[in-house]
N, C-alpha and C. Protein backbone atom coordinates (compact mmCIF):
# COMPACT_ATOMS: atom_id res chain seq x y z
N MET A 1 99.22 102.28 224.07
CA MET A 1 98.98 103.65 223.42
C MET A 1 100.44 104.06 222.59
N GLY A 2 100.18 104.31 221.37
CA GLY A 2 101.29 104.80 220.46
C GLY A 2 101.73 105.90 220.95
N MET A 3 103.13 106.31 220.58
CA MET A 3 103.60 107.65 220.81
C MET A 3 103.01 108.54 219.74
N THR A 4 102.85 109.80 220.36
CA THR A 4 102.16 110.95 219.31
C THR A 4 103.38 111.29 218.55
N PRO A 5 103.29 111.15 217.06
CA PRO A 5 104.18 111.58 216.27
C PRO A 5 104.44 113.25 216.26
N ARG A 6 105.84 113.37 216.12
CA ARG A 6 106.12 114.95 216.39
C ARG A 6 105.84 115.52 215.06
N PRO A 7 105.48 116.63 215.15
CA PRO A 7 104.80 117.46 213.83
C PRO A 7 105.90 117.69 213.22
N ARG A 8 105.59 117.58 211.81
CA ARG A 8 106.92 117.43 210.80
C ARG A 8 106.90 119.29 210.61
N THR A 9 108.53 119.35 210.72
CA THR A 9 109.05 120.63 210.64
C THR A 9 109.09 121.15 209.06
N THR A 10 108.64 122.34 208.79
CA THR A 10 108.64 122.75 207.45
C THR A 10 109.61 123.94 207.25
N GLY A 11 109.99 124.24 205.97
CA GLY A 11 110.68 125.32 205.79
C GLY A 11 111.77 125.64 206.62
N LEU A 12 112.26 126.72 206.68
CA LEU A 12 113.84 126.87 207.30
C LEU A 12 113.84 126.42 208.83
N ARG A 13 112.72 126.08 209.57
CA ARG A 13 112.57 125.62 210.63
C ARG A 13 113.74 124.34 210.86
N GLN A 14 113.81 123.97 209.88
CA GLN A 14 114.81 122.72 209.50
C GLN A 14 116.07 122.83 210.00
N PHE A 15 116.57 124.30 209.51
CA PHE A 15 118.10 124.67 209.46
C PHE A 15 118.21 125.88 210.61
N LEU A 16 117.03 126.52 210.86
CA LEU A 16 117.37 127.61 211.74
C LEU A 16 116.44 128.02 212.87
N GLU A 17 116.72 128.20 214.18
CA GLU A 17 115.99 128.40 215.15
C GLU A 17 115.03 129.73 214.73
N LEU A 18 113.95 129.85 215.62
CA LEU A 18 112.99 131.00 215.16
C LEU A 18 113.74 132.07 215.73
N GLU A 19 114.84 132.10 216.98
CA GLU A 19 115.24 133.21 217.51
C GLU A 19 116.42 133.44 216.20
N GLN A 20 117.04 132.61 215.59
CA GLN A 20 118.00 132.82 214.65
C GLN A 20 117.32 133.47 213.54
N GLN A 21 116.48 133.31 213.20
CA GLN A 21 115.44 133.98 212.05
C GLN A 21 115.29 135.39 212.37
N ARG A 22 114.87 135.37 213.54
CA ARG A 22 114.41 137.13 214.01
C ARG A 22 115.72 137.83 214.49
N GLU A 23 116.64 137.19 214.56
CA GLU A 23 118.15 138.05 214.84
C GLU A 23 118.74 138.39 213.45
N TRP A 24 118.34 137.35 212.84
CA TRP A 24 118.97 137.74 210.94
C TRP A 24 118.13 138.85 210.44
N ILE A 25 116.73 138.88 210.69
CA ILE A 25 116.07 139.78 210.22
C ILE A 25 116.38 140.95 210.59
N LYS A 26 116.62 141.29 211.95
CA LYS A 26 117.13 142.67 212.58
C LYS A 26 118.77 142.91 212.06
N GLY A 27 119.29 141.90 211.40
CA GLY A 27 120.76 142.53 211.24
C GLY A 27 121.58 142.08 212.13
N LYS A 28 121.17 141.39 213.40
CA LYS A 28 122.27 141.28 214.46
C LYS A 28 123.09 140.04 214.55
N ILE A 29 123.01 139.08 213.55
CA ILE A 29 123.73 137.87 213.20
C ILE A 29 124.03 137.74 211.94
N ASP A 30 124.99 137.05 211.48
CA ASP A 30 125.32 136.31 210.25
C ASP A 30 125.06 134.80 210.49
N LEU A 31 124.45 134.28 209.43
CA LEU A 31 123.86 133.01 209.75
C LEU A 31 125.10 131.86 208.93
N PRO A 32 125.65 131.00 209.55
CA PRO A 32 126.37 130.20 208.98
C PRO A 32 125.74 129.28 207.78
N ASP A 33 126.16 129.32 206.69
CA ASP A 33 126.14 128.65 205.51
C ASP A 33 126.98 127.55 205.10
N ILE A 34 126.07 126.54 204.38
CA ILE A 34 126.87 125.41 203.78
C ILE A 34 128.11 125.98 202.90
N ALA A 35 129.31 124.98 203.08
CA ALA A 35 130.23 125.66 201.84
C ALA A 35 130.09 125.11 200.24
N ASP A 36 129.34 124.07 200.11
CA ASP A 36 129.14 123.54 198.82
C ASP A 36 127.59 123.54 198.56
N ARG A 37 127.57 123.84 197.17
CA ARG A 37 126.00 123.99 196.62
C ARG A 37 125.77 122.59 195.95
N SER A 38 124.28 122.31 196.26
CA SER A 38 123.69 120.79 195.76
C SER A 38 123.34 121.23 194.31
N GLU A 39 124.05 120.94 193.33
CA GLU A 39 123.53 121.39 191.79
C GLU A 39 123.61 120.41 190.76
N SER A 40 122.59 120.63 190.08
CA SER A 40 122.52 119.88 188.72
C SER A 40 122.91 120.13 187.42
N LEU A 41 124.11 119.49 186.93
CA LEU A 41 124.40 120.08 185.98
C LEU A 41 123.69 119.96 184.49
N GLU A 42 122.78 119.26 184.68
CA GLU A 42 121.50 119.11 183.54
C GLU A 42 120.81 120.23 183.71
N HIS A 43 120.10 120.83 184.80
CA HIS A 43 119.65 121.68 184.92
C HIS A 43 120.17 122.99 184.81
N ARG A 44 121.46 123.19 185.08
CA ARG A 44 122.44 124.31 184.67
C ARG A 44 122.31 124.71 183.06
N PHE A 45 122.64 123.26 182.42
CA PHE A 45 122.69 123.47 180.68
C PHE A 45 121.20 123.88 180.53
N LYS A 46 120.27 123.54 181.04
CA LYS A 46 118.60 123.76 180.44
C LYS A 46 118.62 125.29 180.02
N TYR A 47 119.20 126.11 181.19
CA TYR A 47 118.84 127.51 180.83
C TYR A 47 120.30 128.45 180.44
N ALA A 48 121.14 127.70 180.10
CA ALA A 48 122.31 128.18 179.62
C ALA A 48 122.19 129.17 178.53
N ALA A 49 121.65 128.82 177.59
CA ALA A 49 121.05 129.75 176.36
C ALA A 49 120.37 130.88 176.89
N ARG A 50 119.60 130.88 177.75
CA ARG A 50 118.81 131.95 178.40
C ARG A 50 119.74 133.02 179.01
N PHE A 51 120.55 132.45 179.81
CA PHE A 51 121.77 133.18 180.32
C PHE A 51 122.64 133.85 179.43
N ALA A 52 122.94 133.32 178.26
CA ALA A 52 123.72 133.65 177.37
C ALA A 52 123.00 134.98 176.56
N LYS A 53 121.91 134.93 176.50
CA LYS A 53 120.98 135.82 175.97
C LYS A 53 120.99 137.14 176.66
N LEU A 54 120.63 136.76 178.03
CA LEU A 54 120.87 138.13 179.26
C LEU A 54 121.90 138.88 179.25
N LEU A 55 122.78 138.06 179.01
CA LEU A 55 124.29 138.69 178.95
C LEU A 55 124.55 139.67 177.82
N CYS A 56 123.63 139.68 176.73
CA CYS A 56 123.77 140.13 175.61
C CYS A 56 122.71 141.60 175.87
N ARG A 57 121.97 141.73 176.88
CA ARG A 57 121.23 142.65 177.20
C ARG A 57 121.86 143.89 177.23
N PRO A 58 121.73 145.25 177.31
CA PRO A 58 122.51 146.07 178.06
C PRO A 58 122.28 146.47 179.37
N GLN A 59 121.45 145.78 179.86
CA GLN A 59 120.96 145.91 181.33
C GLN A 59 122.05 144.85 182.05
N ALA A 60 122.52 143.81 181.33
CA ALA A 60 123.10 142.60 182.22
C ALA A 60 124.09 143.00 183.19
N LYS A 61 125.03 143.87 183.08
CA LYS A 61 125.92 144.44 184.26
C LYS A 61 125.28 144.83 185.62
N GLU A 62 124.34 145.60 185.28
CA GLU A 62 123.31 146.04 186.38
C GLU A 62 122.70 144.98 186.87
N VAL A 63 121.78 144.15 186.33
CA VAL A 63 121.19 143.12 186.74
C VAL A 63 122.00 142.42 187.95
N LEU A 64 122.89 141.96 187.26
CA LEU A 64 124.07 140.94 187.95
C LEU A 64 124.55 141.56 189.21
N GLU A 65 125.00 142.81 189.07
CA GLU A 65 125.44 143.44 190.18
C GLU A 65 124.45 143.89 191.45
N ILE A 66 122.99 143.92 191.24
CA ILE A 66 122.03 144.14 191.94
C ILE A 66 121.93 142.90 192.54
N LEU A 67 121.85 141.81 191.85
CA LEU A 67 121.71 140.59 192.58
C LEU A 67 122.77 139.93 193.51
N LYS A 68 124.02 140.81 193.13
CA LYS A 68 124.97 140.38 194.35
C LYS A 68 124.85 140.81 195.66
N LEU A 69 124.13 142.02 195.55
CA LEU A 69 123.70 142.92 196.65
C LEU A 69 122.11 142.13 197.39
N TYR A 70 121.17 141.69 196.32
CA TYR A 70 119.88 141.23 197.00
C TYR A 70 120.30 139.94 197.42
N GLY A 71 121.23 139.03 196.86
CA GLY A 71 121.13 137.77 197.27
C GLY A 71 121.43 137.50 198.93
N PRO A 72 122.76 137.91 198.91
CA PRO A 72 123.37 137.92 200.45
C PRO A 72 122.67 138.73 201.61
N ASN A 73 122.29 139.89 201.20
CA ASN A 73 121.46 140.58 202.07
C ASN A 73 119.87 140.29 202.38
N CYS A 74 119.59 139.70 201.64
CA CYS A 74 117.75 139.60 201.58
C CYS A 74 117.58 137.98 201.62
N ILE A 75 118.08 137.06 201.10
CA ILE A 75 117.89 135.70 201.47
C ILE A 75 118.81 134.88 202.35
N PRO A 76 118.08 134.08 203.45
CA PRO A 76 119.02 133.52 204.59
C PRO A 76 119.66 132.21 203.89
N ILE A 77 120.89 131.86 204.45
CA ILE A 77 121.58 130.73 204.02
C ILE A 77 121.31 130.17 202.52
N LEU A 78 121.87 131.18 201.78
CA LEU A 78 121.59 131.00 200.03
C LEU A 78 121.85 129.55 199.81
N ARG A 79 123.16 129.08 200.05
CA ARG A 79 123.71 127.84 199.45
C ARG A 79 122.52 126.64 199.83
N GLN A 80 122.31 126.67 201.33
CA GLN A 80 121.44 125.70 202.00
C GLN A 80 120.08 125.61 201.28
N THR A 81 119.75 126.69 200.84
CA THR A 81 118.19 126.90 200.50
C THR A 81 118.11 126.85 199.02
N GLU A 82 119.09 127.00 198.28
CA GLU A 82 118.99 127.44 196.71
C GLU A 82 117.99 126.28 196.18
N ARG A 83 117.54 126.64 195.21
CA ARG A 83 116.41 126.12 194.25
C ARG A 83 115.10 125.57 195.32
N TYR A 84 115.49 124.74 196.34
CA TYR A 84 114.50 124.17 197.16
C TYR A 84 113.65 125.16 197.80
N TYR A 85 114.12 126.04 198.05
CA TYR A 85 113.52 127.11 199.20
C TYR A 85 113.52 128.50 198.67
N TRP A 86 114.02 128.68 197.33
CA TRP A 86 114.09 130.06 196.61
C TRP A 86 114.63 129.50 195.50
N SER A 87 114.36 130.47 194.38
CA SER A 87 114.95 130.24 192.78
C SER A 87 114.99 131.42 192.18
N VAL A 88 115.80 131.72 191.28
CA VAL A 88 115.86 132.86 190.20
C VAL A 88 115.83 132.26 188.93
N SER A 89 114.78 132.89 188.22
CA SER A 89 114.60 132.67 186.56
C SER A 89 115.01 133.73 185.98
N CYS A 90 115.44 133.22 184.65
CA CYS A 90 116.32 134.14 183.83
C CYS A 90 115.33 134.36 182.67
N LEU A 91 114.97 135.46 182.61
CA LEU A 91 114.06 136.02 181.13
C LEU A 91 112.84 134.87 181.19
N PRO A 92 112.04 134.87 182.27
CA PRO A 92 110.85 134.06 182.42
C PRO A 92 110.03 134.47 181.35
N SER A 93 109.23 133.56 180.84
CA SER A 93 108.53 133.92 179.72
C SER A 93 107.03 134.03 180.08
N THR A 94 107.01 135.37 181.02
CA THR A 94 105.63 135.89 181.32
C THR A 94 105.32 136.82 180.67
N SER A 95 104.12 137.40 180.82
CA SER A 95 103.60 138.42 179.70
C SER A 95 104.18 139.95 180.09
N ASP A 96 104.65 139.96 181.07
CA ASP A 96 105.48 141.25 181.79
C ASP A 96 106.83 141.58 181.30
N LYS A 97 107.44 140.19 180.82
CA LYS A 97 108.73 140.40 180.14
C LYS A 97 109.91 140.65 180.92
N PRO A 98 109.94 140.13 182.15
CA PRO A 98 111.03 140.29 183.32
C PRO A 98 112.65 140.03 182.74
N LEU A 99 113.57 140.44 183.61
CA LEU A 99 114.81 140.19 182.92
C LEU A 99 115.00 139.14 183.92
N ILE A 100 114.91 139.26 185.23
CA ILE A 100 115.06 138.09 186.26
C ILE A 100 113.63 138.19 187.33
N ARG A 101 113.57 136.93 187.94
CA ARG A 101 112.56 136.96 189.01
C ARG A 101 113.09 135.95 190.00
N VAL A 102 113.04 136.60 191.30
CA VAL A 102 113.05 135.61 192.30
C VAL A 102 111.98 135.18 193.01
N ASN A 103 111.79 133.80 193.25
CA ASN A 103 110.66 133.34 194.07
C ASN A 103 110.98 132.82 195.41
N ALA A 104 109.79 132.30 196.12
CA ALA A 104 109.98 131.27 197.22
C ALA A 104 108.47 130.82 197.46
N SER A 105 108.33 129.57 197.59
CA SER A 105 106.93 128.98 197.82
C SER A 105 106.31 129.29 196.57
N TRP A 106 105.11 129.72 196.73
CA TRP A 106 104.32 130.13 195.67
C TRP A 106 104.14 131.54 195.00
N MET A 107 105.29 132.46 195.87
CA MET A 107 105.45 133.61 195.82
C MET A 107 106.24 134.29 194.87
N GLU A 108 106.10 135.55 194.32
CA GLU A 108 107.18 136.26 193.90
C GLU A 108 107.69 137.08 194.76
N LEU A 109 108.96 137.48 195.11
CA LEU A 109 109.77 138.17 195.83
C LEU A 109 110.15 139.67 195.22
N PHE A 110 111.12 139.49 194.19
CA PHE A 110 111.95 140.53 193.82
C PHE A 110 111.95 140.36 192.02
N THR A 111 111.76 141.09 191.36
CA THR A 111 111.64 141.05 189.69
C THR A 111 112.47 142.36 189.23
N LEU A 112 113.34 142.11 188.16
CA LEU A 112 113.97 143.09 187.78
C LEU A 112 113.90 143.10 186.27
N TYR A 113 113.27 144.53 185.72
CA TYR A 113 112.62 144.62 184.35
C TYR A 113 113.59 145.82 183.67
N ALA A 114 113.83 145.61 182.29
CA ALA A 114 114.44 146.62 181.59
C ALA A 114 113.72 148.12 181.90
N GLN A 115 114.41 148.94 181.86
CA GLN A 115 113.94 150.29 181.81
C GLN A 115 114.93 151.23 180.77
N GLY A 116 114.48 151.05 179.60
CA GLY A 116 115.46 151.59 178.62
C GLY A 116 116.72 150.76 178.77
N GLU A 117 118.00 151.51 178.76
CA GLU A 117 119.37 150.55 179.05
C GLU A 117 119.23 150.58 180.48
N ASP A 118 118.98 150.94 181.48
CA ASP A 118 118.60 150.93 182.81
C ASP A 118 117.86 149.72 183.40
N VAL A 119 117.53 149.58 184.58
CA VAL A 119 116.43 148.63 185.29
C VAL A 119 115.44 149.20 186.07
N ARG A 120 114.50 148.60 186.11
CA ARG A 120 113.51 148.73 187.36
C ARG A 120 113.31 147.71 188.09
N ALA A 121 112.83 147.96 189.26
CA ALA A 121 112.61 146.59 190.33
C ALA A 121 111.37 146.62 190.82
N ARG A 122 110.78 145.48 190.83
CA ARG A 122 109.62 145.32 191.97
C ARG A 122 109.73 144.56 193.30
N PHE A 123 109.27 144.99 194.21
CA PHE A 123 109.72 144.27 195.43
C PHE A 123 108.28 144.05 195.77
N ILE A 124 107.98 142.71 196.55
CA ILE A 124 106.66 142.31 196.75
C ILE A 124 107.02 142.28 198.58
N VAL A 125 106.38 142.86 199.56
CA VAL A 125 106.50 143.18 200.98
C VAL A 125 105.35 142.85 201.67
N TYR A 126 105.20 143.37 202.78
CA TYR A 126 104.15 143.26 203.67
C TYR A 126 103.92 144.88 203.94
N LEU A 127 102.55 145.09 203.71
CA LEU A 127 101.86 146.65 203.61
C LEU A 127 102.20 147.25 205.01
N SER A 128 101.97 146.67 206.04
CA SER A 128 102.41 147.04 207.44
C SER A 128 103.56 147.36 208.04
N ASP A 129 104.82 147.09 207.17
CA ASP A 129 105.96 147.53 207.13
C ASP A 129 106.20 148.79 206.41
N PHE A 130 105.38 149.24 205.81
CA PHE A 130 105.44 150.63 205.12
C PHE A 130 104.36 151.65 205.12
N THR A 131 103.40 151.34 206.33
CA THR A 131 102.51 152.64 206.70
C THR A 131 102.99 153.22 207.95
N LYS A 132 102.24 154.16 208.21
CA LYS A 132 102.58 155.31 209.39
C LYS A 132 102.42 154.39 210.62
N ASP A 133 101.60 154.03 210.61
CA ASP A 133 101.06 153.13 211.81
C ASP A 133 101.10 151.66 211.97
N ARG A 134 101.96 151.41 211.03
CA ARG A 134 102.32 149.78 211.09
C ARG A 134 100.56 148.93 210.79
N SER A 135 99.94 149.42 210.43
CA SER A 135 98.80 148.75 210.22
C SER A 135 98.85 148.34 208.74
N ALA A 136 97.63 147.39 208.32
CA ALA A 136 97.64 147.11 206.84
C ALA A 136 96.33 147.98 206.08
N THR A 137 96.74 149.23 206.26
CA THR A 137 95.71 149.97 205.93
C THR A 137 96.26 150.83 204.77
N PRO A 138 95.73 150.78 203.32
CA PRO A 138 96.14 151.52 202.00
C PRO A 138 96.57 152.75 202.56
N SER A 139 95.71 153.70 203.13
CA SER A 139 95.67 155.21 202.91
C SER A 139 96.64 155.58 204.00
N GLN A 140 97.46 154.62 204.73
CA GLN A 140 98.39 154.92 205.72
C GLN A 140 99.91 154.71 205.36
N VAL A 141 99.98 154.65 203.86
CA VAL A 141 101.18 154.39 203.31
C VAL A 141 102.10 155.71 203.64
N ASP A 142 103.10 155.26 204.16
CA ASP A 142 104.37 156.46 204.39
C ASP A 142 105.13 156.68 203.30
N GLU A 143 104.41 157.64 202.34
CA GLU A 143 104.95 157.98 201.28
C GLU A 143 106.21 158.70 201.28
N PRO A 144 106.50 159.68 202.38
CA PRO A 144 107.63 160.54 202.36
C PRO A 144 108.83 159.47 202.81
N PHE A 145 108.43 158.64 203.51
CA PHE A 145 109.65 157.76 203.92
C PHE A 145 109.94 156.85 202.43
N LEU A 146 109.04 156.32 201.67
CA LEU A 146 109.51 155.68 200.41
C LEU A 146 110.22 156.81 199.70
N GLU A 147 109.55 157.92 199.28
CA GLU A 147 110.65 158.90 198.66
C GLU A 147 111.88 159.10 199.14
N GLN A 148 112.21 159.33 200.32
CA GLN A 148 113.30 159.33 200.82
C GLN A 148 114.38 158.18 200.81
N SER A 149 113.61 157.07 200.35
CA SER A 149 114.54 155.82 200.07
C SER A 149 115.15 155.56 198.81
N VAL A 150 114.87 156.86 197.97
CA VAL A 150 115.57 156.51 196.71
C VAL A 150 116.10 157.92 196.07
N ALA A 151 116.73 157.81 194.93
CA ALA A 151 117.64 159.01 194.57
C ALA A 151 116.74 160.27 194.23
N ALA A 152 115.60 159.88 193.73
CA ALA A 152 114.72 160.94 193.39
C ALA A 152 113.19 160.43 193.70
N PRO A 153 112.57 161.32 194.06
CA PRO A 153 110.91 160.65 194.38
C PRO A 153 110.13 160.18 193.54
N GLU A 154 110.26 160.54 192.32
CA GLU A 154 109.85 160.10 190.90
C GLU A 154 110.17 158.52 190.71
N ASP A 155 111.23 158.21 191.51
CA ASP A 155 111.78 156.70 191.04
C ASP A 155 111.14 155.65 192.12
N VAL A 156 109.99 156.09 192.74
CA VAL A 156 109.41 155.13 193.48
C VAL A 156 107.86 155.30 193.18
N SER A 157 107.09 154.18 193.07
CA SER A 157 105.62 154.22 193.27
C SER A 157 105.17 152.67 193.74
N TYR A 158 104.32 152.77 194.01
CA TYR A 158 103.64 151.24 194.81
C TYR A 158 102.26 150.89 194.17
N PHE A 159 101.65 149.81 194.70
CA PHE A 159 100.43 149.16 194.14
C PHE A 159 100.29 148.21 195.12
N PHE A 160 98.99 147.85 195.13
CA PHE A 160 98.45 146.80 196.36
C PHE A 160 98.10 145.23 195.60
N PRO A 161 98.82 144.41 195.54
CA PRO A 161 98.67 143.15 195.10
C PRO A 161 97.15 142.49 196.00
N ARG A 162 96.77 141.39 195.16
CA ARG A 162 95.47 140.68 196.04
C ARG A 162 96.01 140.19 197.19
N GLY A 163 95.50 140.15 198.26
CA GLY A 163 95.85 139.43 199.30
C GLY A 163 95.76 140.51 200.38
N ALA A 164 95.58 139.97 201.62
CA ALA A 164 95.62 140.95 203.11
C ALA A 164 97.08 141.37 203.37
N ASP A 165 97.32 142.61 203.62
CA ASP A 165 98.83 142.77 203.96
C ASP A 165 99.75 142.90 202.90
N MET A 166 99.34 143.11 201.69
CA MET A 166 100.26 142.74 200.50
C MET A 166 100.82 144.13 200.11
N PHE A 167 101.96 144.21 199.61
CA PHE A 167 102.22 145.90 199.21
C PHE A 167 103.39 145.52 197.79
N GLY A 168 103.04 146.26 196.75
CA GLY A 168 104.08 145.87 195.89
C GLY A 168 104.75 147.37 195.70
N ILE A 169 106.03 147.59 195.51
CA ILE A 169 106.92 148.48 195.25
C ILE A 169 107.54 148.67 194.31
N ASN A 170 107.44 149.80 193.33
CA ASN A 170 108.40 149.59 191.90
C ASN A 170 109.28 150.94 192.37
N VAL A 171 110.47 150.35 191.92
CA VAL A 171 111.95 151.20 191.84
C VAL A 171 112.50 151.24 190.71
N ARG A 172 112.35 152.57 190.04
CA ARG A 172 113.23 152.91 189.06
C ARG A 172 114.51 153.49 189.09
N GLY A 173 115.51 152.63 188.21
CA GLY A 173 116.88 152.95 187.94
C GLY A 173 117.61 152.41 188.96
N SER A 174 118.82 151.92 188.15
CA SER A 174 120.05 151.20 189.24
C SER A 174 120.53 152.04 190.60
N VAL A 175 120.33 153.11 190.15
CA VAL A 175 121.14 153.97 191.62
C VAL A 175 120.11 153.99 192.62
N SER A 176 118.72 154.11 192.35
CA SER A 176 117.77 153.96 193.44
C SER A 176 117.46 152.83 194.07
N VAL A 177 117.60 151.61 192.91
CA VAL A 177 117.46 150.23 193.65
C VAL A 177 118.63 149.90 194.46
N ARG A 178 119.66 150.42 194.21
CA ARG A 178 120.98 150.08 195.28
C ARG A 178 120.52 151.07 196.65
N GLN A 179 119.94 152.15 196.46
CA GLN A 179 120.02 152.93 197.55
C GLN A 179 118.72 152.28 198.39
N PHE A 180 117.56 151.84 197.52
CA PHE A 180 116.48 151.05 198.35
C PHE A 180 116.98 149.97 199.21
N LEU A 181 118.02 149.40 198.42
CA LEU A 181 118.53 147.89 199.18
C LEU A 181 119.32 148.20 200.22
N ALA A 182 119.84 149.53 200.34
CA ALA A 182 120.68 149.98 201.54
C ALA A 182 120.19 150.61 202.67
N ASN A 183 118.53 150.56 202.47
CA ASN A 183 118.03 151.36 203.88
C ASN A 183 117.87 150.10 204.95
N GLY A 184 118.03 150.62 205.80
CA GLY A 184 117.81 149.36 207.35
C GLY A 184 116.49 148.85 207.18
N ARG A 185 115.35 149.78 207.34
CA ARG A 185 114.24 149.54 207.76
C ARG A 185 113.42 148.94 206.35
N ILE A 186 113.96 149.47 205.35
CA ILE A 186 113.63 148.27 204.24
C ILE A 186 114.06 146.82 204.11
N LEU A 187 115.58 146.83 204.46
CA LEU A 187 116.13 145.65 204.29
C LEU A 187 115.37 144.63 205.35
N ARG A 188 115.15 145.09 206.63
CA ARG A 188 114.15 144.35 207.47
C ARG A 188 112.76 143.95 207.03
N ALA A 189 112.12 144.71 206.28
CA ALA A 189 111.03 144.37 205.61
C ALA A 189 110.88 143.31 204.77
N ILE A 190 112.10 143.46 203.70
CA ILE A 190 112.22 142.26 202.55
C ILE A 190 112.76 140.70 203.56
N ARG A 191 113.43 141.06 204.29
CA ARG A 191 114.04 139.98 205.02
C ARG A 191 112.90 139.42 205.86
N THR A 192 111.80 140.17 206.46
CA THR A 192 110.40 139.64 206.94
C THR A 192 109.66 138.68 206.01
N PHE A 193 109.48 139.40 204.67
CA PHE A 193 108.37 139.02 203.66
C PHE A 193 109.13 137.55 203.08
N ASN A 194 110.40 137.85 203.07
CA ASN A 194 111.25 136.55 202.10
C ASN A 194 111.04 135.28 203.28
N LEU A 195 111.54 135.68 204.40
CA LEU A 195 111.71 134.40 205.36
C LEU A 195 110.14 133.78 205.58
N THR A 196 109.32 134.48 205.77
CA THR A 196 107.79 134.05 205.88
C THR A 196 107.45 133.05 204.83
N HIS A 197 107.76 133.42 203.39
CA HIS A 197 107.44 132.65 202.71
C HIS A 197 108.36 131.37 202.14
N MET A 198 109.84 131.45 202.46
CA MET A 198 110.66 130.37 202.56
C MET A 198 110.17 129.39 203.60
N ASN A 199 109.62 129.81 204.97
CA ASN A 199 109.11 129.04 205.83
C ASN A 199 107.82 128.19 205.32
N ARG A 200 107.06 128.81 204.46
CA ARG A 200 106.04 128.12 204.05
C ARG A 200 105.96 126.59 203.35
N GLY A 201 107.72 126.01 203.16
CA GLY A 201 107.69 124.98 202.59
C GLY A 201 108.32 125.18 201.20
N ARG A 202 108.54 123.86 200.67
CA ARG A 202 109.24 123.83 199.30
C ARG A 202 108.90 124.83 198.18
N ASN A 203 109.84 125.27 197.46
CA ASN A 203 109.49 126.35 196.33
C ASN A 203 108.79 125.59 195.29
N ALA A 204 107.75 126.33 194.70
CA ALA A 204 106.74 125.60 193.52
C ALA A 204 107.84 126.04 192.18
N TYR A 205 108.75 126.77 192.12
CA TYR A 205 109.38 127.31 190.96
C TYR A 205 110.73 126.44 190.63
N GLN A 206 111.03 125.44 191.61
CA GLN A 206 112.26 124.93 191.08
C GLN A 206 112.71 124.60 189.89
N ALA A 207 111.79 124.20 189.10
CA ALA A 207 112.03 123.77 187.61
C ALA A 207 112.67 125.08 186.83
N SER A 208 112.29 126.06 187.21
CA SER A 208 112.80 127.34 186.49
C SER A 208 114.27 128.22 187.44
N HIS A 209 114.83 127.24 188.14
CA HIS A 209 115.99 128.14 188.69
C HIS A 209 116.98 127.84 187.68
N CYS A 210 117.93 129.36 187.79
CA CYS A 210 118.64 129.40 186.59
C CYS A 210 120.20 129.54 187.41
N TYR A 211 120.87 128.35 187.53
CA TYR A 211 122.15 128.16 188.52
C TYR A 211 123.02 129.47 188.02
N SER A 212 123.29 129.58 186.43
CA SER A 212 124.13 130.91 186.18
C SER A 212 123.68 132.26 186.82
N VAL A 213 122.59 132.44 186.76
CA VAL A 213 122.36 133.65 187.41
C VAL A 213 122.46 133.69 188.98
N ALA A 214 122.23 132.71 189.53
CA ALA A 214 122.17 132.37 190.96
C ALA A 214 123.84 132.54 191.44
N ASP A 215 124.52 131.96 190.62
CA ASP A 215 126.17 132.08 190.66
C ASP A 215 126.52 133.57 191.33
N TYR A 216 125.75 134.72 190.80
CA TYR A 216 126.41 136.07 191.05
C TYR A 216 125.36 136.40 192.40
N MET A 217 124.47 135.68 193.04
CA MET A 217 124.02 135.89 194.16
C MET A 217 124.76 135.45 195.18
N LEU A 218 125.42 134.24 194.76
CA LEU A 218 126.05 133.33 195.48
C LEU A 218 127.54 133.75 195.94
N ALA A 219 127.92 134.83 194.79
CA ALA A 219 129.44 135.05 194.71
C ALA A 219 129.81 135.66 196.31
N ASP A 220 130.98 135.37 196.64
CA ASP A 220 131.38 135.86 197.80
C ASP A 220 132.25 137.30 197.59
């Protein structure tokens, strides 16, 4: 009889034990990343013109500063997983006209849009992380918690994407986006969602990865 083949490891289980993933979600450990990025110069040049265009936008400084917060706080082992398990696109040509969008697997994770000369953000997370009873019940959304997580209650709104236990949160203004990302419960929810999708396998949006934008997410 032949040996039973070992199941193929997918996603971040190739790099991180499940216990390490759980501890990172809780903020209890820092994950060791590789020192050098695997980069394609051809791919970098492909989106250089779009990046130059982004830099001319009045929102550019805030976009890049927010990405410096989002990258290391919300995505594990950034360098080791860049492009193949997560990607960031610059001025993607979709109908909603984002400034940047972060993806993993087949899923949008985080998007920044222009809001006048400021920005607004869209986060996709699990509904059950934002309900009063931790269920995936839309009527149980913890609105007081959401309103307290931003600078002004009117800066936050939400919607229900298609799919079970899915939740979309809109945050208006760079001040509120920063405050939102500084909240421990919210950070754990973002990490949980992002890690789940990175574990689903290779990123479907590799071809649209913009290394020039990612530079800011990876900045020490």
